[in-house]
Amino acid sequence: MYHHGWSDYQRGVQVKSLTPDGSDISINYSGLLKNSGATQVFLHTGFGNPMHWNIVEDYRMQRTPEGWKKTLNMEDGQLTFCFRDSAGNWDNNNGHNWTYKNV
């Protein structure tokens, strides 16, 4: 594993770099929605300024024994993201979302 990464263990969010330059990342989620029994979790993302998201996408996450996982290409140096389940419940870090910078 490469040295790039970031974690918010308290809320069940972890970002890991999959490449030396950090261009590919894995986001692991074991937070509120997983603990509430969600049958599907989606990763809601945007790149660039956290106040004005660009390239906004929703990605279906893969269930793992630890929670939910999605691999992404960092299309920009900064990613803002949150999670939702198939019932429309959100985990957005109490309205603050999460931001990851590829440094």
PDB file of N, CA and C in Angstrom:
ATOM      1  N   MET A   1       0.847  -1.174   0.000  1.00  0.00           N
ATOM      2  CA  MET A   1       0.000   0.000   0.000  1.00  0.00           C
ATOM      3  C   MET A   1       0.892   1.237   0.000  1.00  0.00           C
ATOM      4  N   TYR A   2       0.430   2.276  -0.639  1.00  0.00           N
ATOM      5  CA  TYR A   2       1.188   3.509  -0.749  1.00  0.00           C
ATOM      6  C   TYR A   2       0.897   4.417   0.442  1.00  0.00           C
ATOM      7  N   HIS A   3       1.728   5.429   0.623  1.00  0.00           N
ATOM      8  CA  HIS A   3       1.622   6.290   1.793  1.00  0.00           C
ATOM      9  C   HIS A   3       0.446   7.259   1.750  1.00  0.00           C
ATOM     10  N   HIS A   4      -0.134   7.462   0.576  1.00  0.00           N
ATOM     11  CA  HIS A   4      -1.275   8.373   0.466  1.00  0.00           C
ATOM     12  C   HIS A   4      -2.495   7.740   1.129  1.00  0.00           C
ATOM     13  N   GLY A   5      -3.277   8.551   1.773  1.00  0.00           N
ATOM     14  CA  GLY A   5      -4.507   8.058   2.354  1.00  0.00           C
ATOM     15  C   GLY A   5      -5.009   8.977   3.446  1.00  0.00           C
ATOM     16  N   TRP A   6      -6.182   8.641   3.923  1.00  0.00           N
ATOM     17  CA  TRP A   6      -6.823   9.460   4.934  1.00  0.00           C
ATOM     18  C   TRP A   6      -7.936   8.643   5.582  1.00  0.00           C
ATOM     19  N   SER A   7      -8.191   8.882   6.861  1.00  0.00           N
ATOM     20  CA  SER A   7      -9.239   8.141   7.556  1.00  0.00           C
ATOM     21  C   SER A   7     -10.020   9.025   8.509  1.00  0.00           C
ATOM     22  N   ASP A   8     -11.302   8.737   8.601  1.00  0.00           N
ATOM     23  CA  ASP A   8     -12.170   9.274   9.645  1.00  0.00           C
ATOM     24  C   ASP A   8     -12.756   8.024  10.304  1.00  0.00           C
ATOM     25  N   TYR A   9     -11.939   7.383  11.118  1.00  0.00           N
ATOM     26  CA  TYR A   9     -12.320   6.103  11.719  1.00  0.00           C
ATOM     27  C   TYR A   9     -13.601   6.208  12.536  1.00  0.00           C
ATOM     28  N   GLN A  10     -13.785   7.334  13.217  1.00  0.00           N
ATOM     29  CA  GLN A  10     -14.953   7.514  14.066  1.00  0.00           C
ATOM     30  C   GLN A  10     -16.249   7.404  13.265  1.00  0.00           C
ATOM     31  N   ARG A  11     -16.239   7.862  12.020  1.00  0.00           N
ATOM     32  CA  ARG A  11     -17.442   7.828  11.189  1.00  0.00           C
ATOM     33  C   ARG A  11     -17.399   6.725  10.137  1.00  0.00           C
ATOM     34  N   GLY A  12     -16.371   5.893  10.177  1.00  0.00           N
ATOM     35  CA  GLY A  12     -16.300   4.732   9.293  1.00  0.00           C
ATOM     36  C   GLY A  12     -15.936   5.026   7.860  1.00  0.00           C
ATOM     37  N   VAL A  13     -15.063   6.010   7.634  1.00  0.00           N
ATOM     38  CA  VAL A  13     -14.662   6.386   6.283  1.00  0.00           C
ATOM     39  C   VAL A  13     -13.143   6.294   6.170  1.00  0.00           C
ATOM     40  N   GLN A  14     -12.683   5.631   5.100  1.00  0.00           N
ATOM     41  CA  GLN A  14     -11.250   5.504   4.874  1.00  0.00           C
ATOM     42  C   GLN A  14     -10.969   5.630   3.379  1.00  0.00           C
ATOM     43  N   VAL A  15      -9.941   6.413   3.028  1.00  0.00           N
ATOM     44  CA  VAL A  15      -9.503   6.566   1.648  1.00  0.00           C
ATOM     45  C   VAL A  15      -8.077   6.035   1.564  1.00  0.00           C
ATOM     46  N   LYS A  16      -7.835   5.156   0.591  1.00  0.00           N
ATOM     47  CA  LYS A  16      -6.501   4.589   0.387  1.00  0.00           C
ATOM     48  C   LYS A  16      -6.061   4.808  -1.054  1.00  0.00           C
ATOM     49  N   SER A  17      -4.803   5.179  -1.225  1.00  0.00           N
ATOM     50  CA  SER A  17      -4.230   5.305  -2.559  1.00  0.00           C
ATOM     51  C   SER A  17      -3.889   3.920  -3.092  1.00  0.00           C
ATOM     52  N   LEU A  18      -4.166   3.695  -4.363  1.00  0.00           N
ATOM     53  CA  LEU A  18      -3.854   2.418  -5.005  1.00  0.00           C
ATOM     54  C   LEU A  18      -2.682   2.523  -5.967  1.00  0.00           C
ATOM     55  N   THR A  19      -2.215   3.749  -6.202  1.00  0.00           N
ATOM     56  CA  THR A  19      -1.102   3.988  -7.119  1.00  0.00           C
ATOM     57  C   THR A  19      -0.107   4.955  -6.467  1.00  0.00           C
ATOM     58  N   PRO A  20       1.154   4.910  -6.860  1.00  0.00           N
ATOM     59  CA  PRO A  20       2.155   5.804  -6.245  1.00  0.00           C
ATOM     60  C   PRO A  20       1.818   7.287  -6.382  1.00  0.00           C
ATOM     61  N   ASP A  21       1.203   7.677  -7.496  1.00  0.00           N
ATOM     62  CA  ASP A  21       0.880   9.093  -7.686  1.00  0.00           C
ATOM     63  C   ASP A  21      -0.485   9.475  -7.114  1.00  0.00           C
ATOM     64  N   GLY A  22      -1.197   8.517  -6.551  1.00  0.00           N
ATOM     65  CA  GLY A  22      -2.488   8.794  -5.938  1.00  0.00           C
ATOM     66  C   GLY A  22      -3.620   8.991  -6.927  1.00  0.00           C
ATOM     67  N   SER A  23      -3.415   8.633  -8.191  1.00  0.00           N
ATOM     68  CA  SER A  23      -4.450   8.868  -9.198  1.00  0.00           C
ATOM     69  C   SER A  23      -5.641   7.915  -9.062  1.00  0.00           C
ATOM     70  N   ASP A  24      -5.427   6.753  -8.479  1.00  0.00           N
ATOM     71  CA  ASP A  24      -6.505   5.805  -8.217  1.00  0.00           C
ATOM     72  C   ASP A  24      -6.616   5.607  -6.714  1.00  0.00           C
ATOM     73  N   ILE A  25      -7.858   5.695  -6.210  1.00  0.00           N
ATOM     74  CA  ILE A  25      -8.085   5.560  -4.776  1.00  0.00           C
ATOM     75  C   ILE A  25      -9.207   4.559  -4.515  1.00  0.00           C
ATOM     76  N   SER A  26      -9.222   4.059  -3.305  1.00  0.00           N
ATOM     77  CA  SER A  26     -10.297   3.200  -2.842  1.00  0.00           C
ATOM     78  C   SER A  26     -10.940   3.878  -1.638  1.00  0.00           C
ATOM     79  N   ILE A  27     -12.268   3.991  -1.670  1.00  0.00           N
ATOM     80  CA  ILE A  27     -13.009   4.557  -0.542  1.00  0.00           C
ATOM     81  C   ILE A  27     -13.756   3.427   0.135  1.00  0.00           C
ATOM     82  N   ASN A  28     -13.500   3.263   1.423  1.00  0.00           N
ATOM     83  CA  ASN A  28     -14.149   2.229   2.228  1.00  0.00           C
ATOM     84  C   ASN A  28     -15.075   2.901   3.221  1.00  0.00           C
ATOM     85  N   TYR A  29     -16.292   2.359   3.332  1.00  0.00           N
ATOM     86  CA  TYR A  29     -17.313   2.965   4.190  1.00  0.00           C
ATOM     87  C   TYR A  29     -17.943   1.906   5.091  1.00  0.00           C
ATOM     88  N   SER A  30     -17.888   2.149   6.388  1.00  0.00           N
ATOM     89  CA  SER A  30     -18.522   1.258   7.366  1.00  0.00           C
ATOM     90  C   SER A  30     -19.262   2.084   8.413  1.00  0.00           C
ATOM     91  N   GLY A  31     -19.857   3.171   7.971  1.00  0.00           N
ATOM     92  CA  GLY A  31     -20.485   4.127   8.872  1.00  0.00           C
ATOM     93  C   GLY A  31     -21.961   3.907   9.111  1.00  0.00           C
ATOM     94  N   LEU A  32     -22.663   5.000   9.339  1.00  0.00           N
ATOM     95  CA  LEU A  32     -24.060   5.030   9.755  1.00  0.00           C
ATOM     96  C   LEU A  32     -24.981   4.170   8.885  1.00  0.00           C
ATOM     97  N   LEU A  33     -24.894   4.303   7.564  1.00  0.00           N
ATOM     98  CA  LEU A  33     -25.795   3.560   6.685  1.00  0.00           C
ATOM     99  C   LEU A  33     -25.540   2.059   6.744  1.00  0.00           C
ATOM    100  N   LYS A  34     -24.275   1.669   6.790  1.00  0.00           N
ATOM    101  CA  LYS A  34     -23.943   0.251   6.931  1.00  0.00           C
ATOM    102  C   LYS A  34     -24.473  -0.279   8.251  1.00  0.00           C
ATOM    103  N   ASN A  35     -24.268   0.489   9.309  1.00  0.00           N
ATOM    104  CA  ASN A  35     -24.701   0.063  10.637  1.00  0.00           C
ATOM    105  C   ASN A  35     -26.215   0.078  10.803  1.00  0.00           C
ATOM    106  N   SER A  36     -26.918   0.767   9.894  1.00  0.00           N
ATOM    107  CA  SER A  36     -28.384   0.803   9.926  1.00  0.00           C
ATOM    108  C   SER A  36     -28.995  -0.288   9.050  1.00  0.00           C
ATOM    109  N   GLY A  37     -28.133  -1.116   8.426  1.00  0.00           N
ATOM    110  CA  GLY A  37     -28.623  -2.243   7.635  1.00  0.00           C
ATOM    111  C   GLY A  37     -28.909  -1.943   6.180  1.00  0.00           C
ATOM    112  N   ALA A  38     -28.295  -0.918   5.609  1.00  0.00           N
ATOM    113  CA  ALA A  38     -28.521  -0.584   4.198  1.00  0.00           C
ATOM    114  C   ALA A  38     -28.207  -1.786   3.308  1.00  0.00           C
ATOM    115  N   THR A  39     -29.082  -2.044   2.348  1.00  0.00           N
ATOM    116  CA  THR A  39     -28.868  -3.152   1.419  1.00  0.00           C
ATOM    117  C   THR A  39     -28.038  -2.729   0.209  1.00  0.00           C
ATOM    118  N   GLN A  40     -27.928  -1.417  -0.027  1.00  0.00           N
ATOM    119  CA  GLN A  40     -27.063  -0.870  -1.072  1.00  0.00           C
ATOM    120  C   GLN A  40     -26.652   0.521  -0.659  1.00  0.00           C
ATOM    121  N   VAL A  41     -25.375   0.847  -0.881  1.00  0.00           N
ATOM    122  CA  VAL A  41     -24.853   2.182  -0.581  1.00  0.00           C
ATOM    123  C   VAL A  41     -24.257   2.755  -1.853  1.00  0.00           C
ATOM    124  N   PHE A  42     -24.484   4.044  -2.059  1.00  0.00           N
ATOM    125  CA  PHE A  42     -23.947   4.766  -3.209  1.00  0.00           C
ATOM    126  C   PHE A  42     -22.997   5.841  -2.707  1.00  0.00           C
ATOM    127  N   LEU A  43     -21.915   6.045  -3.436  1.00  0.00           N
ATOM    128  CA  LEU A  43     -20.947   7.097  -3.165  1.00  0.00           C
ATOM    129  C   LEU A  43     -21.323   8.292  -4.041  1.00  0.00           C
ATOM    130  N   HIS A  44     -21.575   9.441  -3.426  1.00  0.00           N
ATOM    131  CA  HIS A  44     -21.936  10.673  -4.134  1.00  0.00           C
ATOM    132  C   HIS A  44     -20.699  11.560  -4.125  1.00  0.00           C
ATOM    133  N   THR A  45     -20.178  11.908  -5.297  1.00  0.00           N
ATOM    134  CA  THR A  45     -18.891  12.599  -5.383  1.00  0.00           C
ATOM    135  C   THR A  45     -18.944  13.856  -6.243  1.00  0.00           C
ATOM    136  N   GLY A  46     -17.985  14.731  -5.990  1.00  0.00           N
ATOM    137  CA  GLY A  46     -17.733  15.888  -6.826  1.00  0.00           C
ATOM    138  C   GLY A  46     -16.274  16.292  -6.677  1.00  0.00           C
ATOM    139  N   PHE A  47     -15.700  16.822  -7.731  1.00  0.00           N
ATOM    140  CA  PHE A  47     -14.296  17.219  -7.709  1.00  0.00           C
ATOM    141  C   PHE A  47     -14.160  18.733  -7.633  1.00  0.00           C
ATOM    142  N   GLY A  48     -12.991  19.181  -7.201  1.00  0.00           N
ATOM    143  CA  GLY A  48     -12.692  20.603  -7.137  1.00  0.00           C
ATOM    144  C   GLY A  48     -13.152  21.228  -5.832  1.00  0.00           C
ATOM    145  N   ASN A  49     -13.567  22.486  -5.896  1.00  0.00           N
ATOM    146  CA  ASN A  49     -13.976  23.276  -4.738  1.00  0.00           C
ATOM    147  C   ASN A  49     -15.127  22.585  -4.002  1.00  0.00           C
ATOM    148  N   PRO A  50     -14.984  22.307  -2.694  1.00  0.00           N
ATOM    149  CA  PRO A  50     -16.052  21.639  -1.949  1.00  0.00           C
ATOM    150  C   PRO A  50     -17.365  22.424  -1.899  1.00  0.00           C
ATOM    151  N   MET A  51     -17.333  23.732  -2.160  1.00  0.00           N
ATOM    152  CA  MET A  51     -18.555  24.538  -2.164  1.00  0.00           C
ATOM    153  C   MET A  51     -19.240  24.555  -3.531  1.00  0.00           C
ATOM    154  N   HIS A  52     -18.521  24.149  -4.574  1.00  0.00           N
ATOM    155  CA  HIS A  52     -19.044  24.148  -5.942  1.00  0.00           C
ATOM    156  C   HIS A  52     -18.535  22.901  -6.665  1.00  0.00           C
ATOM    157  N   TRP A  53     -19.187  21.776  -6.413  1.00  0.00           N
ATOM    158  CA  TRP A  53     -18.728  20.494  -6.944  1.00  0.00           C
ATOM    159  C   TRP A  53     -18.752  20.473  -8.471  1.00  0.00           C
ATOM    160  N   ASN A  54     -17.723  19.859  -9.076  1.00  0.00           N
ATOM    161  CA  ASN A  54     -17.652  19.604 -10.514  1.00  0.00           C
ATOM    162  C   ASN A  54     -17.683  18.097 -10.729  1.00  0.00           C
ATOM    163  N   ILE A  55     -18.098  17.700 -11.913  1.00  0.00           N
ATOM    164  CA  ILE A  55     -18.134  16.283 -12.296  1.00  0.00           C
ATOM    165  C   ILE A  55     -18.854  15.476 -11.204  1.00  0.00           C
ATOM    166  N   VAL A  56     -20.073  15.846 -10.893  1.00  0.00           N
ATOM    167  CA  VAL A  56     -20.842  15.195  -9.831  1.00  0.00           C
ATOM    168  C   VAL A  56     -21.367  13.851 -10.332  1.00  0.00           C
ATOM    169  N   GLU A  57     -21.097  12.800  -9.564  1.00  0.00           N
ATOM    170  CA  GLU A  57     -21.492  11.440  -9.941  1.00  0.00           C
ATOM    171  C   GLU A  57     -21.951  10.666  -8.713  1.00  0.00           C
ATOM    172  N   ASP A  58     -22.805   9.687  -8.943  1.00  0.00           N
ATOM    173  CA  ASP A  58     -23.174   8.693  -7.937  1.00  0.00           C
ATOM    174  C   ASP A  58     -22.642   7.348  -8.413  1.00  0.00           C
ATOM    175  N   TYR A  59     -22.005   6.619  -7.513  1.00  0.00           N
ATOM    176  CA  TYR A  59     -21.430   5.310  -7.841  1.00  0.00           C
ATOM    177  C   TYR A  59     -21.990   4.253  -6.895  1.00  0.00           C
ATOM    178  N   ARG A  60     -22.404   3.140  -7.453  1.00  0.00           N
ATOM    179  CA  ARG A  60     -22.825   2.005  -6.645  1.00  0.00           C
ATOM    180  C   ARG A  60     -21.582   1.416  -5.985  1.00  0.00           C
ATOM    181  N   MET A  61     -21.646   1.231  -4.673  1.00  0.00           N
ATOM    182  CA  MET A  61     -20.513   0.672  -3.946  1.00  0.00           C
ATOM    183  C   MET A  61     -20.667  -0.849  -3.836  1.00  0.00           C
ATOM    184  N   GLN A  62     -19.558  -1.527  -3.693  1.00  0.00           N
ATOM    185  CA  GLN A  62     -19.535  -2.984  -3.565  1.00  0.00           C
ATOM    186  C   GLN A  62     -19.527  -3.366  -2.092  1.00  0.00           C
ATOM    187  N   ARG A  63     -20.393  -4.309  -1.726  1.00  0.00           N
ATOM    188  CA  ARG A  63     -20.433  -4.786  -0.342  1.00  0.00           C
ATOM    189  C   ARG A  63     -19.213  -5.663  -0.082  1.00  0.00           C
ATOM    190  N   THR A  64     -18.575  -5.442   1.055  1.00  0.00           N
ATOM    191  CA  THR A  64     -17.442  -6.253   1.493  1.00  0.00           C
ATOM    192  C   THR A  64     -17.737  -6.720   2.921  1.00  0.00           C
ATOM    193  N   PRO A  65     -16.970  -7.649   3.449  1.00  0.00           N
ATOM    194  CA  PRO A  65     -17.187  -8.060   4.837  1.00  0.00           C
ATOM    195  C   PRO A  65     -17.036  -6.901   5.833  1.00  0.00           C
ATOM    196  N   GLU A  66     -16.230  -5.891   5.487  1.00  0.00           N
ATOM    197  CA  GLU A  66     -15.999  -4.752   6.378  1.00  0.00           C
ATOM    198  C   GLU A  66     -17.014  -3.639   6.189  1.00  0.00           C
ATOM    199  N   GLY A  67     -17.748  -3.628   5.089  1.00  0.00           N
ATOM    200  CA  GLY A  67     -18.691  -2.547   4.792  1.00  0.00           C
ATOM    201  C   GLY A  67     -18.891  -2.398   3.303  1.00  0.00           C
ATOM    202  N   TRP A  68     -18.628  -1.200   2.787  1.00  0.00           N
ATOM    203  CA  TRP A  68     -18.831  -0.884   1.368  1.00  0.00           C
ATOM    204  C   TRP A  68     -17.566  -0.275   0.796  1.00  0.00           C
ATOM    205  N   LYS A  69     -17.315  -0.508  -0.511  1.00  0.00           N
ATOM    206  CA  LYS A  69     -16.056  -0.086  -1.127  1.00  0.00           C
ATOM    207  C   LYS A  69     -16.300   0.365  -2.563  1.00  0.00           C
ATOM    208  N   LYS A  70     -15.542   1.398  -2.982  1.00  0.00           N
ATOM    209  CA  LYS A  70     -15.554   1.850  -4.368  1.00  0.00           C
ATOM    210  C   LYS A  70     -14.174   2.357  -4.734  1.00  0.00           C
ATOM    211  N   THR A  71     -13.702   1.997  -5.919  1.00  0.00           N
ATOM    212  CA  THR A  71     -12.431   2.469  -6.457  1.00  0.00           C
ATOM    213  C   THR A  71     -12.721   3.552  -7.489  1.00  0.00           C
ATOM    214  N   LEU A  72     -11.975   4.653  -7.417  1.00  0.00           N
ATOM    215  CA  LEU A  72     -12.167   5.795  -8.312  1.00  0.00           C
ATOM    216  C   LEU A  72     -10.844   6.294  -8.862  1.00  0.00           C
ATOM    217  N   ASN A  73     -10.929   6.969 -10.004  1.00  0.00           N
ATOM    218  CA  ASN A  73      -9.804   7.722 -10.536  1.00  0.00           C
ATOM    219  C   ASN A  73      -9.965   9.162 -10.075  1.00  0.00           C
ATOM    220  N   MET A  74      -8.902   9.734  -9.521  1.00  0.00           N
ATOM    221  CA  MET A  74      -8.919  11.135  -9.078  1.00  0.00           C
ATOM    222  C   MET A  74      -8.830  12.026 -10.312  1.00  0.00           C
ATOM    223  N   GLU A  75      -9.968  12.510 -10.777  1.00  0.00           N
ATOM    224  CA  GLU A  75     -10.018  13.353 -11.972  1.00  0.00           C
ATOM    225  C   GLU A  75      -9.542  14.770 -11.689  1.00  0.00           C
ATOM    226  N   ASP A  76      -9.357  15.083 -10.427  1.00  0.00           N
ATOM    227  CA  ASP A  76      -8.904  16.389  -9.972  1.00  0.00           C
ATOM    228  C   ASP A  76      -8.147  16.129  -8.679  1.00  0.00           C
ATOM    229  N   GLY A  77      -7.416  17.078  -8.182  1.00  0.00           N
ATOM    230  CA  GLY A  77      -6.641  16.884  -6.967  1.00  0.00           C
ATOM    231  C   GLY A  77      -7.444  16.888  -5.686  1.00  0.00           C
ATOM    232  N   GLN A  78      -8.737  17.230  -5.772  1.00  0.00           N
ATOM    233  CA  GLN A  78      -9.552  17.304  -4.566  1.00  0.00           C
ATOM    234  C   GLN A  78     -10.921  16.674  -4.831  1.00  0.00           C
ATOM    235  N   LEU A  79     -11.323  15.775  -3.948  1.00  0.00           N
ATOM    236  CA  LEU A  79     -12.588  15.065  -4.059  1.00  0.00           C
ATOM    237  C   LEU A  79     -13.439  15.357  -2.829  1.00  0.00           C
ATOM    238  N   THR A  80     -14.696  15.711  -3.026  1.00  0.00           N
ATOM    239  CA  THR A  80     -15.658  15.873  -1.945  1.00  0.00           C
ATOM    240  C   THR A  80     -16.698  14.783  -2.119  1.00  0.00           C
ATOM    241  N   PHE A  81     -17.120  14.169  -1.005  1.00  0.00           N
ATOM    242  CA  PHE A  81     -18.026  13.027  -1.148  1.00  0.00           C
ATOM    243  C   PHE A  81     -18.876  12.811   0.095  1.00  0.00           C
ATOM    244  N   CYS A  82     -19.951  12.053  -0.097  1.00  0.00           N
ATOM    245  CA  CYS A  82     -20.817  11.596   0.976  1.00  0.00           C
ATOM    246  C   CYS A  82     -21.471  10.300   0.496  1.00  0.00           C
ATOM    247  N   PHE A  83     -22.398   9.771   1.263  1.00  0.00           N
ATOM    248  CA  PHE A  83     -22.982   8.470   0.972  1.00  0.00           C
ATOM    249  C   PHE A  83     -24.497   8.524   1.090  1.00  0.00           C
ATOM    250  N   ARG A  84     -25.185   7.673   0.316  1.00  0.00           N
ATOM    251  CA  ARG A  84     -26.627   7.507   0.465  1.00  0.00           C
ATOM    252  C   ARG A  84     -26.963   6.038   0.258  1.00  0.00           C
ATOM    253  N   ASP A  85     -28.110   5.624   0.792  1.00  0.00           N
ATOM    254  CA  ASP A  85     -28.549   4.245   0.571  1.00  0.00           C
ATOM    255  C   ASP A  85     -29.687   4.225  -0.441  1.00  0.00           C
ATOM    256  N   SER A  86     -30.166   3.038  -0.776  1.00  0.00           N
ATOM    257  CA  SER A  86     -31.206   2.902  -1.789  1.00  0.00           C
ATOM    258  C   SER A  86     -32.560   3.422  -1.315  1.00  0.00           C
ATOM    259  N   ALA A  87     -32.727   3.659  -0.012  1.00  0.00           N
ATOM    260  CA  ALA A  87     -33.971   4.204   0.528  1.00  0.00           C
ATOM    261  C   ALA A  87     -33.952   5.732   0.597  1.00  0.00           C
ATOM    262  N   GLY A  88     -32.852   6.363   0.150  1.00  0.00           N
ATOM    263  CA  GLY A  88     -32.765   7.817   0.154  1.00  0.00           C
ATOM    264  C   GLY A  88     -32.239   8.417   1.448  1.00  0.00           C
ATOM    265  N   ASN A  89     -31.677   7.603   2.325  1.00  0.00           N
ATOM    266  CA  ASN A  89     -31.044   8.105   3.554  1.00  0.00           C
ATOM    267  C   ASN A  89     -29.603   8.507   3.237  1.00  0.00           C
ATOM    268  N   TRP A  90     -29.156   9.608   3.818  1.00  0.00           N
ATOM    269  CA  TRP A  90     -27.829  10.143   3.540  1.00  0.00           C
ATOM    270  C   TRP A  90     -26.943  10.085   4.776  1.00  0.00           C
ATOM    271  N   ASP A  91     -25.650   9.900   4.550  1.00  0.00           N
ATOM    272  CA  ASP A  91     -24.617  10.129   5.559  1.00  0.00           C
ATOM    273  C   ASP A  91     -23.680  11.146   4.938  1.00  0.00           C
ATOM    274  N   ASN A  92     -23.839  12.399   5.345  1.00  0.00           N
ATOM    275  CA  ASN A  92     -23.052  13.489   4.770  1.00  0.00           C
ATOM    276  C   ASN A  92     -22.213  14.199   5.831  1.00  0.00           C
ATOM    277  N   ASN A  93     -21.794  13.439   6.848  1.00  0.00           N
ATOM    278  CA  ASN A  93     -20.909  13.986   7.874  1.00  0.00           C
ATOM    279  C   ASN A  93     -21.552  15.200   8.546  1.00  0.00           C
ATOM    280  N   ASN A  94     -22.818  15.039   8.925  1.00  0.00           N
ATOM    281  CA  ASN A  94     -23.569  16.128   9.571  1.00  0.00           C
ATOM    282  C   ASN A  94     -23.602  17.403   8.730  1.00  0.00           C
ATOM    283  N   GLY A  95     -23.758  17.236   7.412  1.00  0.00           N
ATOM    284  CA  GLY A  95     -23.849  18.378   6.504  1.00  0.00           C
ATOM    285  C   GLY A  95     -22.529  18.935   6.038  1.00  0.00           C
ATOM    286  N   HIS A  96     -21.421  18.354   6.476  1.00  0.00           N
ATOM    287  CA  HIS A  96     -20.091  18.862   6.101  1.00  0.00           C
ATOM    288  C   HIS A  96     -19.441  18.070   4.984  1.00  0.00           C
ATOM    289  N   ASN A  97     -19.993  16.908   4.628  1.00  0.00           N
ATOM    290  CA  ASN A  97     -19.400  16.003   3.651  1.00  0.00           C
ATOM    291  C   ASN A  97     -17.967  15.656   4.052  1.00  0.00           C
ATOM    292  N   TRP A  98     -17.273  14.913   3.239  1.00  0.00           N
ATOM    293  CA  TRP A  98     -15.857  14.603   3.453  1.00  0.00           C
ATOM    294  C   TRP A  98     -15.093  15.133   2.255  1.00  0.00           C
ATOM    295  N   THR A  99     -13.861  15.571   2.477  1.00  0.00           N
ATOM    296  CA  THR A  99     -13.000  16.050   1.404  1.00  0.00           C
ATOM    297  C   THR A  99     -11.667  15.336   1.500  1.00  0.00           C
ATOM    298  N   TYR A 100     -11.189  14.873   0.359  1.00  0.00           N
ATOM    299  CA  TYR A 100      -9.888  14.216   0.273  1.00  0.00           C
ATOM    300  C   TYR A 100      -9.051  14.935  -0.771  1.00  0.00           C
ATOM    301  N   LYS A 101      -7.834  15.320  -0.387  1.00  0.00           N
ATOM    302  CA  LYS A 101      -6.887  15.952  -1.309  1.00  0.00           C
ATOM    303  C   LYS A 101      -5.787  14.969  -1.652  1.00  0.00           C
ATOM    304  N   ASN A 102      -5.501  14.841  -2.917  1.00  0.00           N
ATOM    305  CA  ASN A 102      -4.400  14.012  -3.385  1.00  0.00           C
ATOM    306  C   ASN A 102      -3.134  14.846  -3.292  1.00  0.00           C
ATOM    307  N   VAL A 103      -2.344  14.604  -2.257  1.00  0.00           N
ATOM    308  CA  VAL A 103      -1.121  15.398  -2.053  1.00  0.00           C
ATOM    309  C   VAL A 103       0.117  14.662  -2.486  1.00  0.00           C
TER     310      VAL A 103
END
